[in-house]
Amino acid sequence: MAEQKLGNPAVVGLAGFGLTTLVLQFHNVGWMSSIGPVVWLGLIFGGAAQLFAGLQEQKTGNNFGYCAFTSYGAFWIALALMLIANNYDLFKASTQDVGWFLVAWTLFTAILWVGSLRIHGAMALTFTLLLAGFILLDLAHFGYPSMTLVAGYVLMACALTAWYMMARIILNEVYGRELLPAGKPWVG
């Protein structure tokens, strides 16, 4: 009896992370006036779908993917609910409150960034850009609001590198060869 081939949950996690991050940055740089699409994506695609992808990664034994996708899925759900609550004056979060929320996520991201350096170049680049984006957003929330624009462009690049990894997994499988390389790990 042949063993059934399973799909790679990382493609959904990377897709949700990339798309939701990209759309939030469209808002952060001023291209999109409403935060509404970010809320809905944060709940469904960046949130729930990424969370489910993380839980599926656990079944494959990939602790990095399990931790990253589950945690950032929870990040998007929490952010979306915070935006909704602020809109309805329920447990309102000030700019500095959001800043501390982001500082905690920056520290968490720093841990995963260290791990990403040993996976492959595309993962290291994605997490380097994510860490830089969080640091810039931290600065934006603690007195340097112009950093939001810079963070927006850095995080757009981050989102696109996540999609590159998603495309790499899908296209390499479809074409049966290394069509898109991942690059060598930055740390041996």
C-alpha atoms as a PDB file:
ATOM      1  CA  MET A   1       0.000   0.000   0.000  1.00  0.00           C
ATOM      2  CA  ALA A   2       1.531   3.306  -1.098  1.00  0.00           C
ATOM      3  CA  GLU A   3       1.861   6.072   1.435  1.00  0.00           C
ATOM      4  CA  GLN A   4      -0.329   9.071   0.622  1.00  0.00           C
ATOM      5  CA  LYS A   5       1.616  12.224  -0.217  1.00  0.00           C
ATOM      6  CA  LEU A   6       0.666  15.208   1.911  1.00  0.00           C
ATOM      7  CA  GLY A   7       0.778  18.858   0.927  1.00  0.00           C
ATOM      8  CA  ASN A   8       3.316  21.188   2.486  1.00  0.00           C
ATOM      9  CA  PRO A   9       1.484  23.446   4.976  1.00  0.00           C
ATOM     10  CA  ALA A  10       4.179  26.101   4.613  1.00  0.00           C
ATOM     11  CA  VAL A  11       2.677  27.231   1.304  1.00  0.00           C
ATOM     12  CA  VAL A  12      -0.518  28.354   3.036  1.00  0.00           C
ATOM     13  CA  GLY A  13       1.369  29.873   5.971  1.00  0.00           C
ATOM     14  CA  LEU A  14       3.693  31.828   3.680  1.00  0.00           C
ATOM     15  CA  ALA A  15       0.803  32.905   1.462  1.00  0.00           C
ATOM     16  CA  GLY A  16      -1.223  34.203   4.430  1.00  0.00           C
ATOM     17  CA  PHE A  17       1.739  35.914   6.043  1.00  0.00           C
ATOM     18  CA  GLY A  18       2.856  37.536   2.794  1.00  0.00           C
ATOM     19  CA  LEU A  19      -0.544  38.755   1.637  1.00  0.00           C
ATOM     20  CA  THR A  20      -1.679  40.121   4.980  1.00  0.00           C
ATOM     21  CA  THR A  21       1.669  41.819   5.598  1.00  0.00           C
ATOM     22  CA  LEU A  22       1.588  43.343   2.116  1.00  0.00           C
ATOM     23  CA  VAL A  23      -1.930  44.747   2.500  1.00  0.00           C
ATOM     24  CA  LEU A  24      -1.145  46.259   5.926  1.00  0.00           C
ATOM     25  CA  GLN A  25       1.840  48.002   4.379  1.00  0.00           C
ATOM     26  CA  PHE A  26      -0.363  49.396   1.588  1.00  0.00           C
ATOM     27  CA  HIS A  27      -2.235  51.066   4.448  1.00  0.00           C
ATOM     28  CA  ASN A  28       0.925  52.100   6.340  1.00  0.00           C
ATOM     29  CA  VAL A  29       2.450  53.881   3.329  1.00  0.00           C
ATOM     30  CA  GLY A  30      -0.839  55.643   2.561  1.00  0.00           C
ATOM     31  CA  TRP A  31      -1.901  53.818  -0.591  1.00  0.00           C
ATOM     32  CA  MET A  32      -5.008  52.350   1.066  1.00  0.00           C
ATOM     33  CA  SER A  33      -7.064  54.605   3.323  1.00  0.00           C
ATOM     34  CA  SER A  34      -9.204  51.999   5.097  1.00  0.00           C
ATOM     35  CA  ILE A  35      -7.876  49.526   7.648  1.00  0.00           C
ATOM     36  CA  GLY A  36     -10.895  47.285   6.960  1.00  0.00           C
ATOM     37  CA  PRO A  37      -9.185  44.854   4.556  1.00  0.00           C
ATOM     38  CA  VAL A  38      -6.340  44.423   7.065  1.00  0.00           C
ATOM     39  CA  VAL A  39      -8.793  43.495   9.814  1.00  0.00           C
ATOM     40  CA  TRP A  40     -10.506  40.850   7.686  1.00  0.00           C
ATOM     41  CA  LEU A  41      -7.262  39.419   6.334  1.00  0.00           C
ATOM     42  CA  GLY A  42      -5.796  39.490   9.842  1.00  0.00           C
ATOM     43  CA  LEU A  43      -8.668  37.403  11.141  1.00  0.00           C
ATOM     44  CA  ILE A  44      -8.956  34.949   8.252  1.00  0.00           C
ATOM     45  CA  PHE A  45      -5.864  34.581   6.023  1.00  0.00           C
ATOM     46  CA  GLY A  46      -2.977  35.982   8.052  1.00  0.00           C
ATOM     47  CA  GLY A  47      -4.644  34.791  11.237  1.00  0.00           C
ATOM     48  CA  ALA A  48      -6.697  31.604  11.047  1.00  0.00           C
ATOM     49  CA  ALA A  49      -5.179  30.116   7.872  1.00  0.00           C
ATOM     50  CA  GLN A  50      -1.633  30.751   9.109  1.00  0.00           C
ATOM     51  CA  LEU A  51      -2.535  29.341  12.515  1.00  0.00           C
ATOM     52  CA  PHE A  52      -3.868  26.174  10.885  1.00  0.00           C
ATOM     53  CA  ALA A  53      -0.749  25.931   8.714  1.00  0.00           C
ATOM     54  CA  GLY A  54       1.359  26.114  11.863  1.00  0.00           C
ATOM     55  CA  LEU A  55      -0.614  23.322  13.471  1.00  0.00           C
ATOM     56  CA  GLN A  56      -0.067  21.226  10.346  1.00  0.00           C
ATOM     57  CA  GLU A  57       3.680  22.009  10.483  1.00  0.00           C
ATOM     58  CA  GLN A  58       3.708  20.476  13.955  1.00  0.00           C
ATOM     59  CA  LYS A  59       2.605  17.169  12.423  1.00  0.00           C
ATOM     60  CA  THR A  60       5.586  17.246  10.049  1.00  0.00           C
ATOM     61  CA  GLY A  61       8.009  17.718  12.943  1.00  0.00           C
ATOM     62  CA  ASN A  62       9.068  21.192  11.783  1.00  0.00           C
ATOM     63  CA  ASN A  63       9.358  23.122  15.052  1.00  0.00           C
ATOM     64  CA  PHE A  64      10.487  26.317  13.317  1.00  0.00           C
ATOM     65  CA  GLY A  65       7.453  26.370  11.000  1.00  0.00           C
ATOM     66  CA  TYR A  66       5.164  25.247  13.813  1.00  0.00           C
ATOM     67  CA  CYS A  67       6.302  28.090  16.071  1.00  0.00           C
ATOM     68  CA  ALA A  68       6.472  30.761  13.364  1.00  0.00           C
ATOM     69  CA  PHE A  69       3.169  30.134  11.602  1.00  0.00           C
ATOM     70  CA  THR A  70       1.153  29.468  14.766  1.00  0.00           C
ATOM     71  CA  SER A  71       2.594  32.489  16.538  1.00  0.00           C
ATOM     72  CA  TYR A  72       2.304  34.967  13.662  1.00  0.00           C
ATOM     73  CA  GLY A  73      -1.205  33.659  12.970  1.00  0.00           C
ATOM     74  CA  ALA A  74      -2.031  34.547  16.570  1.00  0.00           C
ATOM     75  CA  PHE A  75      -0.294  37.931  16.054  1.00  0.00           C
ATOM     76  CA  TRP A  76      -2.617  38.767  13.159  1.00  0.00           C
ATOM     77  CA  ILE A  77      -5.726  37.703  15.063  1.00  0.00           C
ATOM     78  CA  ALA A  78      -4.659  39.757  18.097  1.00  0.00           C
ATOM     79  CA  LEU A  79      -3.861  42.796  15.953  1.00  0.00           C
ATOM     80  CA  ALA A  80      -7.189  42.568  14.113  1.00  0.00           C
ATOM     81  CA  LEU A  81      -9.109  42.257  17.378  1.00  0.00           C
ATOM     82  CA  MET A  82      -7.151  45.197  18.831  1.00  0.00           C
ATOM     83  CA  LEU A  83      -8.113  47.321  15.822  1.00  0.00           C
ATOM     84  CA  ILE A  84     -11.762  46.303  16.189  1.00  0.00           C
ATOM     85  CA  ALA A  85     -11.724  46.975  19.948  1.00  0.00           C
ATOM     86  CA  ASN A  86     -10.129  50.402  19.429  1.00  0.00           C
ATOM     87  CA  ASN A  87     -12.861  51.265  16.942  1.00  0.00           C
ATOM     88  CA  TYR A  88     -15.534  50.454  19.534  1.00  0.00           C
ATOM     89  CA  ASP A  89     -13.730  51.959  22.571  1.00  0.00           C
ATOM     90  CA  LEU A  90     -13.340  48.529  24.132  1.00  0.00           C
ATOM     91  CA  PHE A  91     -10.018  47.927  25.897  1.00  0.00           C
ATOM     92  CA  LYS A  92      -8.508  50.791  23.860  1.00  0.00           C
ATOM     93  CA  ALA A  93      -4.808  50.582  23.087  1.00  0.00           C
ATOM     94  CA  SER A  94      -2.883  53.857  22.804  1.00  0.00           C
ATOM     95  CA  THR A  95      -0.059  54.380  20.321  1.00  0.00           C
ATOM     96  CA  GLN A  96       2.430  53.498  23.062  1.00  0.00           C
ATOM     97  CA  ASP A  97       0.390  50.449  24.082  1.00  0.00           C
ATOM     98  CA  VAL A  98       0.592  49.212  20.493  1.00  0.00           C
ATOM     99  CA  GLY A  99       4.286  50.085  20.592  1.00  0.00           C
ATOM    100  CA  TRP A 100       4.874  47.780  23.567  1.00  0.00           C
ATOM    101  CA  PHE A 101       2.860  45.059  21.826  1.00  0.00           C
ATOM    102  CA  LEU A 102       5.220  45.462  18.857  1.00  0.00           C
ATOM    103  CA  VAL A 103       8.337  45.506  21.065  1.00  0.00           C
ATOM    104  CA  ALA A 104       7.344  42.122  22.478  1.00  0.00           C
ATOM    105  CA  TRP A 105       6.886  40.794  18.939  1.00  0.00           C
ATOM    106  CA  THR A 106      10.235  42.292  17.964  1.00  0.00           C
ATOM    107  CA  LEU A 107      11.951  40.317  20.722  1.00  0.00           C
ATOM    108  CA  PHE A 108      10.116  37.147  19.694  1.00  0.00           C
ATOM    109  CA  THR A 109      11.092  37.747  16.057  1.00  0.00           C
ATOM    110  CA  ALA A 110      14.737  38.175  17.074  1.00  0.00           C
ATOM    111  CA  ILE A 111      14.740  34.612  18.433  1.00  0.00           C
ATOM    112  CA  LEU A 112      13.328  33.215  15.184  1.00  0.00           C
ATOM    113  CA  TRP A 113      15.699  35.418  13.168  1.00  0.00           C
ATOM    114  CA  VAL A 114      18.671  33.657  14.810  1.00  0.00           C
ATOM    115  CA  GLY A 115      17.184  30.296  13.802  1.00  0.00           C
ATOM    116  CA  SER A 116      16.402  31.485  10.275  1.00  0.00           C
ATOM    117  CA  LEU A 117      20.073  32.164   9.611  1.00  0.00           C
ATOM    118  CA  ARG A 118      20.748  28.401   9.595  1.00  0.00           C
ATOM    119  CA  ILE A 119      17.834  27.387   7.352  1.00  0.00           C
ATOM    120  CA  HIS A 120      18.515  28.997   3.963  1.00  0.00           C
ATOM    121  CA  GLY A 121      19.161  32.404   2.442  1.00  0.00           C
ATOM    122  CA  ALA A 122      15.532  33.139   1.542  1.00  0.00           C
ATOM    123  CA  MET A 123      14.402  32.415   5.106  1.00  0.00           C
ATOM    124  CA  ALA A 124      17.235  34.502   6.554  1.00  0.00           C
ATOM    125  CA  LEU A 125      16.355  37.431   4.277  1.00  0.00           C
ATOM    126  CA  THR A 126      12.662  37.198   5.151  1.00  0.00           C
ATOM    127  CA  PHE A 127      13.340  37.241   8.887  1.00  0.00           C
ATOM    128  CA  THR A 128      15.989  39.960   8.593  1.00  0.00           C
ATOM    129  CA  LEU A 129      13.458  42.185   6.840  1.00  0.00           C
ATOM    130  CA  LEU A 130      10.746  41.242   9.343  1.00  0.00           C
ATOM    131  CA  LEU A 131      12.997  42.074  12.292  1.00  0.00           C
ATOM    132  CA  ALA A 132      14.043  45.377  10.701  1.00  0.00           C
ATOM    133  CA  GLY A 133      10.377  46.197   9.999  1.00  0.00           C
ATOM    134  CA  PHE A 134       9.378  45.526  13.609  1.00  0.00           C
ATOM    135  CA  ILE A 135      12.244  47.690  14.898  1.00  0.00           C
ATOM    136  CA  LEU A 136      11.147  50.530  12.607  1.00  0.00           C
ATOM    137  CA  LEU A 137       7.538  50.181  13.778  1.00  0.00           C
ATOM    138  CA  ASP A 138       8.739  50.227  17.399  1.00  0.00           C
ATOM    139  CA  LEU A 139      10.473  53.530  16.685  1.00  0.00           C
ATOM    140  CA  ALA A 140       7.359  54.839  14.940  1.00  0.00           C
ATOM    141  CA  HIS A 141       5.246  54.161  18.029  1.00  0.00           C
ATOM    142  CA  PHE A 142       7.719  55.776  20.420  1.00  0.00           C
ATOM    143  CA  GLY A 143       8.237  59.210  18.931  1.00  0.00           C
ATOM    144  CA  TYR A 144       9.390  58.757  15.347  1.00  0.00           C
ATOM    145  CA  PRO A 145       6.161  58.407  13.329  1.00  0.00           C
ATOM    146  CA  SER A 146       7.947  58.927  10.008  1.00  0.00           C
ATOM    147  CA  MET A 147       9.470  55.464  10.501  1.00  0.00           C
ATOM    148  CA  THR A 148       6.066  53.974   9.668  1.00  0.00           C
ATOM    149  CA  LEU A 149       6.642  54.811   6.010  1.00  0.00           C
ATOM    150  CA  VAL A 150      10.121  53.268   6.009  1.00  0.00           C
ATOM    151  CA  ALA A 151       8.798  50.194   7.822  1.00  0.00           C
ATOM    152  CA  GLY A 152       6.048  49.917   5.218  1.00  0.00           C
ATOM    153  CA  TYR A 153       8.512  49.548   2.370  1.00  0.00           C
ATOM    154  CA  VAL A 154      10.804  47.199   4.322  1.00  0.00           C
ATOM    155  CA  LEU A 155       7.828  45.003   5.228  1.00  0.00           C
ATOM    156  CA  MET A 156       6.579  44.988   1.631  1.00  0.00           C
ATOM    157  CA  ALA A 157       9.943  43.498   0.691  1.00  0.00           C
ATOM    158  CA  CYS A 158       9.541  41.029   3.560  1.00  0.00           C
ATOM    159  CA  ALA A 159       6.102  39.998   2.288  1.00  0.00           C
ATOM    160  CA  LEU A 160       7.466  39.456  -1.208  1.00  0.00           C
ATOM    161  CA  THR A 161      10.321  37.289   0.085  1.00  0.00           C
ATOM    162  CA  ALA A 162       7.753  35.164   1.925  1.00  0.00           C
ATOM    163  CA  TRP A 163       5.873  34.772  -1.357  1.00  0.00           C
ATOM    164  CA  TYR A 164       9.135  33.855  -3.070  1.00  0.00           C
ATOM    165  CA  MET A 165       9.507  30.967  -0.604  1.00  0.00           C
ATOM    166  CA  MET A 166       5.888  29.970  -1.230  1.00  0.00           C
ATOM    167  CA  ALA A 167       6.435  30.086  -5.011  1.00  0.00           C
ATOM    168  CA  ARG A 168       9.667  28.134  -4.601  1.00  0.00           C
ATOM    169  CA  ILE A 169       7.928  25.251  -2.822  1.00  0.00           C
ATOM    170  CA  ILE A 170       5.049  25.129  -5.317  1.00  0.00           C
ATOM    171  CA  LEU A 171       6.998  25.643  -8.551  1.00  0.00           C
ATOM    172  CA  ASN A 172       9.895  23.369  -7.627  1.00  0.00           C
ATOM    173  CA  GLU A 173       7.390  20.584  -6.973  1.00  0.00           C
ATOM    174  CA  VAL A 174       5.323  21.267 -10.102  1.00  0.00           C
ATOM    175  CA  TYR A 175       8.390  21.387 -12.353  1.00  0.00           C
ATOM    176  CA  GLY A 176      10.161  18.559 -10.551  1.00  0.00           C
ATOM    177  CA  ARG A 177      13.434  20.444 -10.257  1.00  0.00           C
ATOM    178  CA  GLU A 178      15.091  23.361  -8.461  1.00  0.00           C
ATOM    179  CA  LEU A 179      13.483  26.152 -10.475  1.00  0.00           C
ATOM    180  CA  LEU A 180      13.789  28.733  -7.678  1.00  0.00           C
ATOM    181  CA  PRO A 181      16.763  28.361  -5.331  1.00  0.00           C
ATOM    182  CA  ALA A 182      16.609  29.073  -1.595  1.00  0.00           C
ATOM    183  CA  GLY A 183      20.235  30.109  -1.222  1.00  0.00           C
ATOM    184  CA  LYS A 184      22.732  28.847   1.297  1.00  0.00           C
ATOM    185  CA  PRO A 185      22.256  29.399   5.014  1.00  0.00           C
ATOM    186  CA  TRP A 186      23.877  32.620   6.204  1.00  0.00           C
ATOM    187  CA  VAL A 187      25.379  30.820   9.219  1.00  0.00           C
ATOM    188  CA  GLY A 188      26.960  27.380   8.932  1.00  0.00           C
END
